[in-house]
């Protein structure tokens, strides 16, 4: 399937709601989610060759919206760092955070992780995907996904010690 302007309205109708739900889950802001989805579809309209019929369109959209959300989280973090100009001491870890607090902590950590590790963390810990489900999204083997999950866990432990 190629992306033509004639079929673009249908593409948007089919995939925008799922892309929005995905963005909202990661960004926790309707305004940011709408903006990320709009940017993704504008990008596809302007440069349809970025998809060019390779693989499943739903998988492509899932991966693209995840990348866009992670980039937005990183940009927000960098903007805050520049505004504040000095580091706020870390708070002591809470004994057991509620799920919403855990997600907020994870999203904060994702902004600091290398992109591949952040993707693995989202797919594995947020979405609950298996190694076999993640492997095609990253273009690697399930074993490599396991290694990346271990790196995420190691990275997280390192950050807590820092």
Foldseek 3Di string as FASTA:
>chain_A
DFDDPVCLVVVCVPAVVVLLVLLCLLQVDNVVSVVLSVVVSVVCHVCRVVPVPPDDPNLVSNLSSLLSSLVVLLVVVVVVCVVVVDDDDDDQDDPDDDPVVVSVVLSNVSSVDDVVLSLLCCVCVVVVDQLCVVCVSVVHHSVVSVVSPVVNVVVVVVVNVD
